[in-house]
């Protein structure tokens, strides 16, 4: 297993709770989808450095990374309008991991994901509710739970599950931590992050999953392209 911050963050990482919970939820969904089918084609749509590739690739038939041309690691490239040259109904799984907030047009991005997905195929969209500004290279969007559902359903996806990560108290502490880090000497960042992430993990426990699904810093959405589409 390759070591990287997204896959294996240390307890001193400023996003430790966020990254571990996102990783665990995302990989559990993919393992469930591939439990009985090992020949599925997965597109990592907006793949970045593909932090989960070493875990996902052995359990799918084919893994394809798709991203902007400025990403040399991508197998295929997309334009800023999110369009690709890949064929219709091409893949079984779309993984969109922390991408939707960065695209110029969520409509264009989601419609292209819908086009690429086979009827009956599954898309996994993860993106932010409450979060710090983080351009890579751009950062445009944040969603309420209701707004995110509406945005995805507008592109004809059927939402199968909607899961919030880090409720209000944890999200507030995360934002408080990030605000203080702006003025903090670098030598203090790791120990401060360890303390704050410990509090974030603790205070997240006061929320029920139902509350997190309504208000969270991060949402994981499992959506399906209807058969017959």
Foldseek 3Di string as FASTA:
>chain_A
DDDDCLQDNDLLDLCVQVSVVLNVVVVVVLCVVLVPPQAFEEEAQQQAVVPCCVVNVRRYNYYFYEEDPVRPVGPFYADLLSDGPDQFQAGQEYEHEAPCQAHPDNLSNLLRVLRNHHAFGKYKHKHFAQDDADPPPHGHDHDFLVRVVCSNCVSVWAWDDKWAGQFDVLSVLSVVLVVVVVPDDPVCSRVSSSVSVVVSVVVSVVDDRVRRSGGHGMMIIMIGRHPVD
